[in-house]
Amino acid sequence: MRFSLITATLGRVEEVRCLCVSLSKQTFKDFELYIVDQNEHHELEDIVRNFEKNFIIHYIRSDVKGLSYNRNIALRMCKGEIIGFPDDDCYYEVNVLQEVNEAFSSREEVGFCAVTTQDTVTKRVCHISQKAYLYKKDVLKACISYNIFVRKNTVMFDERLGVGTYFSSGEETDYLYSFIENYRTCGFFVDRTAVYHPANNADISKVYKYSLGFAALQKKDWIMRRNYKALFVYLYYLLRAFCGMLLIRNFIKHWYSFGGKIIGFVKFKV
């Protein structure tokens, strides 16, 4: 098996169907999909039955809520040489797997790939890189969970991070940081295809939750991985939030960003 794709889902049905439609149209066919279903209902089972004739689907029910926890369930089971993490509200351009496979096949030194992302509504490009090769310092801006593909490895997601936890973000960045450090590898940016995903809005609660996760990520990278630059990254974004408050415009947004970064840094235990 070349690709294992892992989708942990909660609260979405039609979006999962849209993802499966896009996967059924992939020009590269050697893949399997793991759907880890955290819903109380069983509506996704119809989707699985409808698409399992098109590609291999492993359907897993989970009683525990949490994105990282449920991705790890599938990570322990998957068989693919390359692993991807499509969100339950994203979909792939038809040649995503083809282009990613070619990137890995022609570059043995590459441990992960990232793909261009676009907003599903406006088609605005959200993640892009002017550099072909990606290193740890590029991950924060070029990579997000649904646009990354990694070679099979033993790294697991930190289950204290990500949607469904107190520290509601940063899990994919932390995952890639661990992968890069453990395997001494780099990445490659694939810009000839795209993954489509709704752009994140500026909802105040999300700003606060993302700030908690961001602060936890930087603290972990600083102390556990002994990356002293992470402390400066944290302080830089903390200062940006503080300056945003001084400008008055969007004061509440910057206040929640500032507060989330302070509280996340203090509360996250390393």
Protein backbone atom coordinates (compact mmCIF):
# COMPACT_ATOMS: atom_id res chain seq x y z
CA MET A 1 0.00 0.00 0.00
CA ARG A 2 1.45 3.36 -1.03
CA PHE A 3 -0.79 5.85 0.85
CA SER A 4 -2.71 5.68 4.13
CA LEU A 5 -5.04 8.63 4.66
CA ILE A 6 -6.39 9.29 8.16
CA THR A 7 -9.53 11.32 8.85
CA ALA A 8 -10.80 11.73 12.41
CA THR A 9 -14.29 13.18 12.21
CA LEU A 10 -16.91 14.72 14.48
CA GLY A 11 -20.05 16.68 13.59
CA ARG A 12 -19.75 16.44 9.80
CA VAL A 13 -21.47 14.18 7.30
CA GLU A 14 -21.82 15.83 3.88
CA GLU A 15 -18.28 17.17 4.12
CA VAL A 16 -16.99 13.62 4.57
CA ARG A 17 -18.98 12.58 1.52
CA CYS A 18 -17.34 15.40 -0.45
CA LEU A 19 -13.89 14.20 0.66
CA CYS A 20 -14.72 10.66 -0.44
CA VAL A 21 -15.93 11.90 -3.83
CA SER A 22 -12.60 13.65 -4.36
CA LEU A 23 -10.69 10.53 -3.33
CA SER A 24 -12.70 8.37 -5.73
CA LYS A 25 -11.52 10.64 -8.57
CA GLN A 26 -7.81 10.47 -7.74
CA THR A 27 -5.60 9.59 -10.70
CA PHE A 28 -3.37 7.61 -8.32
CA LYS A 29 -5.34 4.66 -6.91
CA ASP A 30 -3.01 2.87 -4.48
CA PHE A 31 -4.36 4.21 -1.17
CA GLU A 32 -6.53 3.39 1.82
CA LEU A 33 -8.67 5.69 3.95
CA TYR A 34 -9.14 5.40 7.71
CA ILE A 35 -12.27 7.12 9.01
CA VAL A 36 -12.27 7.41 12.81
CA ASP A 37 -15.85 8.32 13.71
CA GLN A 38 -16.41 10.12 17.03
CA ASN A 39 -20.11 10.86 16.39
CA GLU A 40 -22.95 9.49 18.48
CA HIS A 41 -24.96 8.82 15.29
CA HIS A 42 -24.14 6.25 12.59
CA GLU A 43 -24.81 8.37 9.50
CA LEU A 44 -21.30 7.94 8.13
CA GLU A 45 -21.81 4.21 7.72
CA ASP A 46 -23.90 4.82 4.59
CA ILE A 47 -21.08 6.87 3.09
CA VAL A 48 -18.60 4.09 3.85
CA ARG A 49 -20.83 1.52 2.15
CA ASN A 50 -21.25 3.75 -0.90
CA PHE A 51 -17.54 4.34 -1.45
CA GLU A 52 -15.85 1.14 -0.28
CA LYS A 53 -16.31 -0.28 -3.76
CA ASN A 54 -14.15 2.56 -5.11
CA PHE A 55 -11.26 2.37 -2.66
CA ILE A 56 -10.30 0.67 0.62
CA ILE A 57 -11.98 2.23 3.66
CA HIS A 58 -11.33 1.22 7.27
CA TYR A 59 -14.20 2.48 9.42
CA ILE A 60 -13.45 2.82 13.14
CA ARG A 61 -15.86 3.90 15.88
CA SER A 62 -14.40 5.83 18.82
CA ASP A 63 -16.06 6.83 22.09
CA VAL A 64 -13.24 9.22 22.99
CA LYS A 65 -13.29 12.77 21.61
CA GLY A 66 -10.06 14.37 20.49
CA LEU A 67 -8.37 14.83 17.12
CA SER A 68 -4.87 13.70 18.11
CA TYR A 69 -6.10 10.73 20.15
CA ASN A 70 -8.16 9.43 17.25
CA ARG A 71 -5.51 10.02 14.62
CA ASN A 72 -3.17 7.93 16.75
CA ILE A 73 -5.66 5.05 16.69
CA ALA A 74 -5.36 4.89 12.91
CA LEU A 75 -1.61 5.58 12.92
CA ARG A 76 -1.09 2.35 14.86
CA MET A 77 -3.06 0.40 12.24
CA CYS A 78 -2.17 1.95 8.88
CA LYS A 79 -0.10 0.07 6.30
CA GLY A 80 0.86 2.76 3.80
CA GLU A 81 4.40 3.88 2.99
CA ILE A 82 3.16 7.50 3.02
CA ILE A 83 0.62 8.92 5.46
CA GLY A 84 -1.71 11.89 4.99
CA PHE A 85 -4.21 13.55 7.31
CA PRO A 86 -7.15 14.99 5.33
CA ASP A 87 -9.58 16.95 7.52
CA ASP A 88 -13.22 15.95 7.47
CA ASP A 89 -14.09 19.24 5.73
CA CYS A 90 -11.43 19.28 3.02
CA TYR A 91 -11.21 17.72 -0.42
CA TYR A 92 -8.39 16.91 -2.85
CA GLU A 93 -7.76 18.03 -6.40
CA VAL A 94 -7.76 14.93 -8.63
CA ASN A 95 -3.95 14.76 -8.95
CA VAL A 96 -2.92 15.33 -5.31
CA LEU A 97 -1.80 11.78 -4.63
CA GLN A 98 -0.16 11.49 -8.06
CA GLU A 99 1.92 14.63 -7.55
CA VAL A 100 2.87 13.75 -3.97
CA ASN A 101 3.86 10.23 -5.00
CA GLU A 102 6.11 11.61 -7.75
CA ALA A 103 7.70 14.05 -5.32
CA PHE A 104 8.57 11.26 -2.87
CA SER A 105 9.66 8.81 -5.56
CA SER A 106 12.14 11.23 -7.13
CA ARG A 107 13.55 12.55 -3.83
CA GLU A 108 14.68 9.83 -1.45
CA GLU A 109 16.08 12.39 0.98
CA VAL A 110 12.65 13.96 1.56
CA GLY A 111 10.73 12.82 4.65
CA PHE A 112 7.56 14.84 4.16
CA CYS A 113 5.71 16.85 1.54
CA ALA A 114 3.31 19.77 1.81
CA VAL A 115 0.77 20.81 -0.81
CA THR A 116 -0.75 24.16 -1.76
CA THR A 117 -4.07 24.85 0.00
CA GLN A 118 -6.97 26.98 -1.20
CA ASP A 119 -10.13 28.27 0.44
CA THR A 120 -13.12 26.26 -0.76
CA VAL A 121 -15.26 29.37 -1.28
CA THR A 122 -12.96 32.08 -2.62
CA LYS A 123 -10.22 29.75 -3.98
CA ARG A 124 -7.74 32.08 -2.30
CA VAL A 125 -4.35 30.42 -1.76
CA CYS A 126 -3.77 29.92 1.97
CA HIS A 127 -0.54 27.90 2.13
CA ILE A 128 2.23 28.30 -0.41
CA SER A 129 6.02 28.29 -0.36
CA GLN A 130 8.51 30.06 -2.59
CA LYS A 131 11.07 27.47 -1.52
CA ALA A 132 11.07 23.95 -2.93
CA TYR A 133 12.66 22.35 0.13
CA LEU A 134 11.21 22.80 3.60
CA TYR A 135 13.01 22.74 6.92
CA LYS A 136 11.83 23.09 10.49
CA LYS A 137 11.76 26.89 10.33
CA ASP A 138 9.36 26.71 7.35
CA VAL A 139 6.79 24.40 8.93
CA LEU A 140 4.83 27.04 10.84
CA LYS A 141 3.90 28.98 7.70
CA ALA A 142 3.85 26.32 4.97
CA CYS A 143 2.30 23.32 6.70
CA ILE A 144 -1.05 22.43 8.24
CA SER A 145 -2.46 19.02 9.04
CA TYR A 146 -4.52 18.53 5.88
CA ASN A 147 -1.73 19.50 3.44
CA ILE A 148 1.08 17.32 4.81
CA PHE A 149 2.18 13.81 3.83
CA VAL A 150 4.91 11.95 5.72
CA ARG A 151 6.86 8.77 5.17
CA LYS A 152 5.84 5.95 7.51
CA ASN A 153 7.42 6.50 10.92
CA THR A 154 6.94 5.85 14.63
CA VAL A 155 6.04 9.41 15.72
CA MET A 156 2.61 9.88 17.36
CA PHE A 157 0.56 13.01 17.89
CA ASP A 158 0.77 14.61 21.32
CA GLU A 159 -2.74 13.91 22.64
CA ARG A 160 -2.63 17.02 24.83
CA LEU A 161 -2.74 19.18 21.69
CA GLY A 162 -5.36 19.63 18.98
CA VAL A 163 -9.11 19.98 18.62
CA GLY A 164 -10.98 18.39 21.52
CA THR A 165 -8.33 19.28 24.10
CA TYR A 166 -7.72 22.35 26.26
CA PHE A 167 -4.78 23.29 24.01
CA SER A 168 -6.78 23.24 20.81
CA SER A 169 -4.13 23.58 18.11
CA GLY A 170 -0.49 23.01 17.23
CA GLU A 171 -0.65 19.21 17.06
CA GLU A 172 0.44 18.91 13.42
CA THR A 173 3.34 21.34 13.85
CA ASP A 174 4.48 19.48 16.94
CA TYR A 175 4.17 16.19 15.02
CA LEU A 176 6.36 17.49 12.18
CA TYR A 177 8.90 18.99 14.60
CA SER A 178 9.27 15.58 16.28
CA PHE A 179 9.47 13.81 12.91
CA ILE A 180 12.12 16.18 11.54
CA GLU A 181 14.22 15.92 14.70
CA ASN A 182 13.93 12.14 15.07
CA TYR A 183 14.68 11.34 11.43
CA ARG A 184 17.00 14.27 10.56
CA THR A 185 15.00 14.95 7.42
CA CYS A 186 13.56 17.76 5.33
CA GLY A 187 10.43 18.32 3.27
CA PHE A 188 9.40 19.28 -0.25
CA PHE A 189 6.63 21.66 -1.30
CA VAL A 190 4.34 20.43 -4.09
CA ASP A 191 2.76 23.42 -5.85
CA ARG A 192 1.25 21.73 -8.89
CA THR A 193 -1.92 20.64 -7.12
CA ALA A 194 -4.06 21.74 -4.17
CA VAL A 195 -6.10 20.68 -1.16
CA TYR A 196 -9.29 22.70 -0.64
CA HIS A 197 -10.41 23.63 2.87
CA PRO A 198 -12.61 26.40 4.34
CA ALA A 199 -10.50 29.32 5.48
CA ASN A 200 -10.47 29.77 9.24
CA ASN A 201 -12.58 32.74 10.33
CA ALA A 202 -11.62 35.19 13.03
CA ASP A 203 -14.07 33.83 15.61
CA ILE A 204 -12.96 35.08 19.02
CA SER A 205 -13.21 31.68 20.70
CA LYS A 206 -11.03 30.15 17.99
CA VAL A 207 -8.46 32.92 18.34
CA TYR A 208 -8.20 32.15 22.04
CA LYS A 209 -8.03 28.37 21.58
CA TYR A 210 -5.44 28.58 18.80
CA SER A 211 -3.35 30.89 20.98
CA LEU A 212 -3.41 28.35 23.81
CA GLY A 213 -2.10 25.66 21.47
CA PHE A 214 0.48 27.93 19.89
CA ALA A 215 1.94 28.83 23.29
CA ALA A 216 1.98 25.18 24.39
CA LEU A 217 3.77 24.21 21.16
CA GLN A 218 6.49 26.82 21.57
CA LYS A 219 7.03 25.97 25.23
CA LYS A 220 7.37 22.28 24.40
CA ASP A 221 9.79 23.01 21.56
CA TRP A 222 11.86 25.30 23.77
CA ILE A 223 12.13 23.03 26.80
CA MET A 224 11.79 19.46 25.51
CA ARG A 225 13.63 19.84 22.21
CA ARG A 226 15.96 22.51 23.61
CA ASN A 227 15.21 24.80 20.70
CA TYR A 228 15.90 28.21 22.20
CA LYS A 229 14.62 29.96 19.07
CA ALA A 230 11.12 28.78 20.03
CA LEU A 231 11.15 31.13 23.01
CA PHE A 232 11.88 34.07 20.71
CA VAL A 233 9.13 32.96 18.31
CA TYR A 234 6.71 32.88 21.24
CA LEU A 235 7.79 36.31 22.49
CA TYR A 236 7.59 37.78 18.98
CA TYR A 237 3.96 36.71 18.48
CA LEU A 238 3.11 37.70 22.04
CA LEU A 239 4.48 41.18 21.34
CA ARG A 240 2.49 41.36 18.10
CA ALA A 241 -0.72 40.64 19.99
CA PHE A 242 0.18 43.26 22.59
CA CYS A 243 0.88 45.89 19.92
CA GLY A 244 -2.40 44.99 18.26
CA MET A 245 -4.21 45.88 21.47
CA LEU A 246 -2.48 49.27 21.57
CA LEU A 247 -3.74 50.07 18.08
CA ILE A 248 -7.33 49.68 19.39
CA ARG A 249 -8.57 48.26 16.08
CA ASN A 250 -9.68 44.66 16.65
CA PHE A 251 -8.79 45.13 20.31
CA ILE A 252 -10.91 42.18 21.51
CA LYS A 253 -9.31 39.80 19.00
CA HIS A 254 -5.79 40.82 20.02
CA TRP A 255 -6.75 40.70 23.71
CA TYR A 256 -7.88 37.08 23.39
CA SER A 257 -4.77 36.27 21.35
CA PHE A 258 -2.53 37.83 24.00
CA GLY A 259 -4.36 36.20 26.90
CA GLY A 260 -4.42 32.79 25.25
CA LYS A 261 -0.69 32.90 24.65
CA ILE A 262 0.04 33.86 28.26
CA ILE A 263 -2.29 31.24 29.77
CA GLY A 264 -1.24 28.51 27.35
CA PHE A 265 2.43 29.06 28.11
CA VAL A 266 1.86 29.00 31.87
CA LYS A 267 -0.52 26.04 31.99
CA PHE A 268 1.14 23.63 29.56
CA LYS A 269 3.19 21.10 31.51
CA VAL A 270 6.44 19.88 29.97
